[in-house]
C-alpha atoms as a PDB file:
ATOM      1  CA  MET A   1     -46.954  22.423  -3.469  1.00  0.00           C
ATOM      2  CA  LYS A   2     -44.319  24.444  -5.188  1.00  0.00           C
ATOM      3  CA  PRO A   3     -41.943  26.443  -2.947  1.00  0.00           C
ATOM      4  CA  ARG A   4     -43.068  29.728  -4.515  1.00  0.00           C
ATOM      5  CA  SER A   5     -46.774  29.089  -3.870  1.00  0.00           C
ATOM      6  CA  VAL A   6     -45.983  28.109  -0.273  1.00  0.00           C
ATOM      7  CA  ALA A   7     -44.112  31.395   0.219  1.00  0.00           C
ATOM      8  CA  VAL A   8     -46.925  33.427  -1.346  1.00  0.00           C
ATOM      9  CA  THR A   9     -49.560  31.645   0.743  1.00  0.00           C
ATOM     10  CA  THR A  10     -47.545  32.143   3.946  1.00  0.00           C
ATOM     11  CA  LEU A  11     -47.046  35.832   3.181  1.00  0.00           C
ATOM     12  CA  ALA A  12     -50.742  36.307   2.405  1.00  0.00           C
ATOM     13  CA  LEU A  13     -51.768  34.622   5.667  1.00  0.00           C
ATOM     14  CA  TRP A  14     -49.318  36.774   7.611  1.00  0.00           C
ATOM     15  CA  PHE A  15     -50.818  39.992   6.134  1.00  0.00           C
ATOM     16  CA  VAL A  16     -54.354  38.837   6.963  1.00  0.00           C
ATOM     17  CA  ALA A  17     -53.374  37.940  10.534  1.00  0.00           C
ATOM     18  CA  CYS A  18     -51.705  41.321  11.080  1.00  0.00           C
ATOM     19  CA  ALA A  19     -54.592  43.261   9.578  1.00  0.00           C
ATOM     20  CA  HIS A  20     -57.172  41.602  11.823  1.00  0.00           C
ATOM     21  CA  SER A  21     -55.253  41.363  15.075  1.00  0.00           C
ATOM     22  CA  SER A  22     -56.403  43.581  17.910  1.00  0.00           C
ATOM     23  CA  PRO A  23     -55.493  43.737  21.556  1.00  0.00           C
ATOM     24  CA  PRO A  24     -57.685  41.833  24.004  1.00  0.00           C
ATOM     25  CA  LEU A  25     -60.477  43.942  25.499  1.00  0.00           C
ATOM     26  CA  ASN A  26     -59.304  43.324  29.056  1.00  0.00           C
ATOM     27  CA  GLU A  27     -55.838  44.829  28.535  1.00  0.00           C
ATOM     28  CA  PRO A  28     -54.836  48.379  27.650  1.00  0.00           C
ATOM     29  CA  ALA A  29     -53.884  48.964  24.022  1.00  0.00           C
ATOM     30  CA  ARG A  30     -51.026  51.248  23.084  1.00  0.00           C
ATOM     31  CA  ILE A  31     -49.351  52.330  19.880  1.00  0.00           C
ATOM     32  CA  THR A  32     -45.710  51.472  20.488  1.00  0.00           C
ATOM     33  CA  ASP A  33     -44.396  54.732  19.005  1.00  0.00           C
ATOM     34  CA  SER A  34     -44.186  57.007  22.071  1.00  0.00           C
ATOM     35  CA  THR A  35     -45.002  60.102  20.027  1.00  0.00           C
ATOM     36  CA  LYS A  36     -48.266  58.501  18.908  1.00  0.00           C
ATOM     37  CA  ALA A  37     -49.374  56.738  22.084  1.00  0.00           C
ATOM     38  CA  VAL A  38     -53.026  56.165  22.863  1.00  0.00           C
ATOM     39  CA  THR A  39     -53.983  54.091  25.882  1.00  0.00           C
ATOM     40  CA  CYS A  40     -57.451  52.547  25.891  1.00  0.00           C
ATOM     41  CA  GLN A  41     -59.517  51.704  28.951  1.00  0.00           C
ATOM     42  CA  ARG A  42     -60.889  48.260  29.685  1.00  0.00           C
ATOM     43  CA  GLY A  43     -63.870  47.475  27.519  1.00  0.00           C
ATOM     44  CA  THR A  44     -62.460  49.465  24.607  1.00  0.00           C
ATOM     45  CA  GLU A  45     -59.999  48.631  21.865  1.00  0.00           C
ATOM     46  CA  LEU A  46     -57.471  50.564  19.843  1.00  0.00           C
ATOM     47  CA  SER A  47     -58.479  51.495  16.319  1.00  0.00           C
ATOM     48  CA  ARG A  48     -56.326  53.280  13.768  1.00  0.00           C
ATOM     49  CA  GLY A  49     -56.734  55.118  10.514  1.00  0.00           C
ATOM     50  CA  VAL A  50     -53.852  54.130   8.226  1.00  0.00           C
ATOM     51  CA  SER A  51     -52.530  55.961   5.177  1.00  0.00           C
ATOM     52  CA  TYR A  52     -49.393  54.992   3.294  1.00  0.00           C
ATOM     53  CA  GLN A  53     -48.596  52.504   6.075  1.00  0.00           C
ATOM     54  CA  THR A  54     -48.191  55.262   8.666  1.00  0.00           C
ATOM     55  CA  TYR A  55     -50.554  56.024  11.527  1.00  0.00           C
ATOM     56  CA  VAL A  56     -52.713  59.003  10.668  1.00  0.00           C
ATOM     57  CA  SER A  57     -55.172  58.669  13.552  1.00  0.00           C
ATOM     58  CA  ALA A  58     -55.692  56.463  16.564  1.00  0.00           C
ATOM     59  CA  TRP A  59     -58.620  56.222  18.936  1.00  0.00           C
ATOM     60  CA  CYS A  60     -60.297  53.982  21.455  1.00  0.00           C
ATOM     61  CA  GLN A  61     -63.646  52.460  20.664  1.00  0.00           C
ATOM     62  CA  ARG A  62     -66.126  50.040  22.136  1.00  0.00           C
ATOM     63  CA  PRO A  63     -66.702  46.693  20.383  1.00  0.00           C
ATOM     64  CA  ASP A  64     -69.793  48.190  18.688  1.00  0.00           C
ATOM     65  CA  GLY A  65     -67.589  50.868  17.046  1.00  0.00           C
ATOM     66  CA  THR A  66     -68.580  53.786  19.322  1.00  0.00           C
ATOM     67  CA  LYS A  67     -65.586  56.046  19.962  1.00  0.00           C
ATOM     68  CA  HIS A  68     -64.919  56.194  23.693  1.00  0.00           C
ATOM     69  CA  GLY A  69     -61.615  57.366  25.158  1.00  0.00           C
ATOM     70  CA  GLN A  70     -58.527  59.042  23.752  1.00  0.00           C
ATOM     71  CA  PHE A  71     -58.283  60.250  20.154  1.00  0.00           C
ATOM     72  CA  VAL A  72     -55.180  61.589  18.409  1.00  0.00           C
ATOM     73  CA  ASP A  73     -54.482  62.323  14.768  1.00  0.00           C
ATOM     74  CA  TRP A  74     -51.380  63.515  12.950  1.00  0.00           C
ATOM     75  CA  TRP A  75     -50.430  65.581   9.958  1.00  0.00           C
ATOM     76  CA  GLU A  76     -48.705  63.706   7.121  1.00  0.00           C
ATOM     77  CA  ASN A  77     -45.349  65.050   8.402  1.00  0.00           C
ATOM     78  CA  GLY A  78     -45.858  63.186  11.713  1.00  0.00           C
ATOM     79  CA  ASN A  79     -46.752  66.179  13.896  1.00  0.00           C
ATOM     80  CA  LYS A  80     -49.928  66.017  15.960  1.00  0.00           C
ATOM     81  CA  LYS A  81     -53.008  67.526  14.343  1.00  0.00           C
ATOM     82  CA  SER A  82     -55.512  67.191  17.196  1.00  0.00           C
ATOM     83  CA  ALA A  83     -55.931  65.383  20.499  1.00  0.00           C
ATOM     84  CA  GLY A  84     -58.879  64.921  22.805  1.00  0.00           C
ATOM     85  CA  THR A  85     -61.332  62.500  24.338  1.00  0.00           C
ATOM     86  CA  TYR A  86     -64.574  60.924  23.190  1.00  0.00           C
ATOM     87  CA  SER A  87     -67.331  59.903  25.568  1.00  0.00           C
ATOM     88  CA  GLU A  88     -70.019  57.632  24.141  1.00  0.00           C
ATOM     89  CA  GLY A  89     -69.226  58.780  20.583  1.00  0.00           C
ATOM     90  CA  ARG A  90     -69.176  62.529  21.341  1.00  0.00           C
ATOM     91  CA  ARG A  91     -66.247  64.871  21.885  1.00  0.00           C
ATOM     92  CA  GLU A  92     -65.874  65.707  25.561  1.00  0.00           C
ATOM     93  CA  GLY A  93     -63.556  67.984  27.519  1.00  0.00           C
ATOM     94  CA  VAL A  94     -60.765  70.147  26.148  1.00  0.00           C
ATOM     95  CA  TRP A  95     -59.460  69.282  22.684  1.00  0.00           C
ATOM     96  CA  THR A  96     -56.182  70.707  21.396  1.00  0.00           C
ATOM     97  CA  PHE A  97     -55.667  71.485  17.717  1.00  0.00           C
ATOM     98  CA  PHE A  98     -52.178  71.916  16.283  1.00  0.00           C
ATOM     99  CA  ARG A  99     -50.667  73.630  13.260  1.00  0.00           C
ATOM    100  CA  GLU A 100     -48.736  71.494  10.796  1.00  0.00           C
ATOM    101  CA  THR A 101     -45.549  72.880  12.346  1.00  0.00           C
ATOM    102  CA  GLY A 102     -46.495  71.222  15.642  1.00  0.00           C
ATOM    103  CA  GLU A 103     -47.433  74.405  17.532  1.00  0.00           C
ATOM    104  CA  ALA A 104     -50.692  74.362  19.483  1.00  0.00           C
ATOM    105  CA  ASP A 105     -53.211  76.439  17.535  1.00  0.00           C
ATOM    106  CA  SER A 106     -56.327  76.329  19.681  1.00  0.00           C
ATOM    107  CA  HIS A 107     -58.020  74.670  22.626  1.00  0.00           C
ATOM    108  CA  ILE A 108     -61.748  74.064  22.433  1.00  0.00           C
ATOM    109  CA  GLU A 109     -63.908  72.714  25.234  1.00  0.00           C
ATOM    110  CA  TYR A 110     -66.631  70.259  24.253  1.00  0.00           C
ATOM    111  CA  ARG A 111     -69.662  69.324  26.332  1.00  0.00           C
ATOM    112  CA  ASP A 112     -71.674  66.374  25.118  1.00  0.00           C
ATOM    113  CA  GLY A 113     -70.239  66.820  21.598  1.00  0.00           C
ATOM    114  CA  VAL A 114     -70.920  70.566  21.364  1.00  0.00           C
ATOM    115  CA  ALA A 115     -68.062  73.083  21.202  1.00  0.00           C
ATOM    116  CA  MET A 116     -68.339  75.770  23.863  1.00  0.00           C
ATOM    117  CA  GLY A 117     -67.381  79.376  23.298  1.00  0.00           C
ATOM    118  CA  GLN A 118     -66.700  82.034  25.920  1.00  0.00           C
ATOM    119  CA  GLY A 119     -69.110  81.963  28.805  1.00  0.00           C
ATOM    120  CA  GLY A 120     -70.133  78.377  28.036  1.00  0.00           C
ATOM    121  CA  VAL A 121     -72.198  79.403  25.009  1.00  0.00           C
ATOM    122  CA  PRO A 122     -72.319  76.759  22.231  1.00  0.00           C
ATOM    123  CA  MET A 123     -70.360  77.792  19.157  1.00  0.00           C
ATOM    124  CA  THR A 124     -70.553  76.570  15.587  1.00  0.00           C
ATOM    125  CA  ILE A 125     -67.633  74.685  14.039  1.00  0.00           C
ATOM    126  CA  THR A 126     -67.890  73.451  10.484  1.00  0.00           C
ATOM    127  CA  ASP A 127     -65.384  71.345   8.564  1.00  0.00           C
ATOM    128  CA  PRO A 128     -66.655  71.294   4.965  1.00  0.00           C
ATOM    129  CA  ALA A 129     -63.843  68.951   3.865  1.00  0.00           C
ATOM    130  CA  ALA A 130     -65.059  66.292   6.282  1.00  0.00           C
ATOM    131  CA  GLY A 131     -68.718  67.201   5.926  1.00  0.00           C
ATOM    132  CA  VAL A 132     -68.877  67.746   9.672  1.00  0.00           C
ATOM    133  CA  SER A 133     -70.776  70.388  11.577  1.00  0.00           C
ATOM    134  CA  ASN A 134     -71.675  70.585  15.222  1.00  0.00           C
ATOM    135  CA  ALA A 135     -74.013  73.505  14.672  1.00  0.00           C
ATOM    136  CA  VAL A 136     -76.755  73.516  17.242  1.00  0.00           C
ATOM    137  CA  PRO A 137     -80.113  73.862  15.509  1.00  0.00           C
ATOM    138  CA  ALA A 138     -81.785  77.181  16.135  1.00  0.00           C
ATOM    139  CA  PRO A 139     -84.834  76.942  18.360  1.00  0.00           C
ATOM    140  CA  SER A 140     -88.158  76.898  16.548  1.00  0.00           C
ATOM    141  CA  PRO A 141     -89.770  80.309  16.556  1.00  0.00           C
ATOM    142  CA  THR A 142     -92.586  80.665  19.027  1.00  0.00           C
ATOM    143  CA  PRO A 143     -95.817  81.082  17.093  1.00  0.00           C
ATOM    144  CA  ALA A 144     -97.575  84.406  17.552  1.00  0.00           C
ATOM    145  CA  PRO A 145    -100.613  84.204  19.804  1.00  0.00           C
ATOM    146  CA  ALA A 146    -103.938  83.988  18.021  1.00  0.00           C
ATOM    147  CA  PRO A 147    -105.825  87.301  17.946  1.00  0.00           C
ATOM    148  CA  ALA A 148    -108.499  87.589  20.594  1.00  0.00           C
ATOM    149  CA  LYS A 149    -112.070  87.325  19.355  1.00  0.00           C
END
C-alpha cells in the first residue's frame, strides 16, 4: 500500500471508531467539559446532539433510545438553553429555561410529560419551530341526554 492510502485509511478508521464509541452501560457517562456535564445512571448511556463539532445537547437514554435521566442543551454561544430530567421518555420535575445571555428565564414543573401551571393545572406549551406541543386534549363533550318519550 502507498503511504498516503495508509494514512487516509487510518484516519477514516479513527473517525468511525470515535463516532461509534459510547461509554459502557454499567458506568456513569459524563461530558468532560464541566460546564456541559451530564451524568447518566446505570442502564442508560450518554447521547449528544452535535452541530459544528460543538455539543448542542446532551441527554441520557436507555439502549432502546428512550430518554431517561438528565437533559441539557445549549445556545450556539455556549450558554445553557434548558436543563431538566426525563423519566421514561417524558419530561419530569422542574425544568429551567435560560435566555441566550445565560440568565434563567423560567422554571416549569412537568408531571408525566405535562407542564403544570399554577395550582397544578396543566398548561399548554407549543414550540412551532420544533413541531412540539404538550397540549392536553380537551375532554369530549358529554352528549345531551335523549328526550324522554
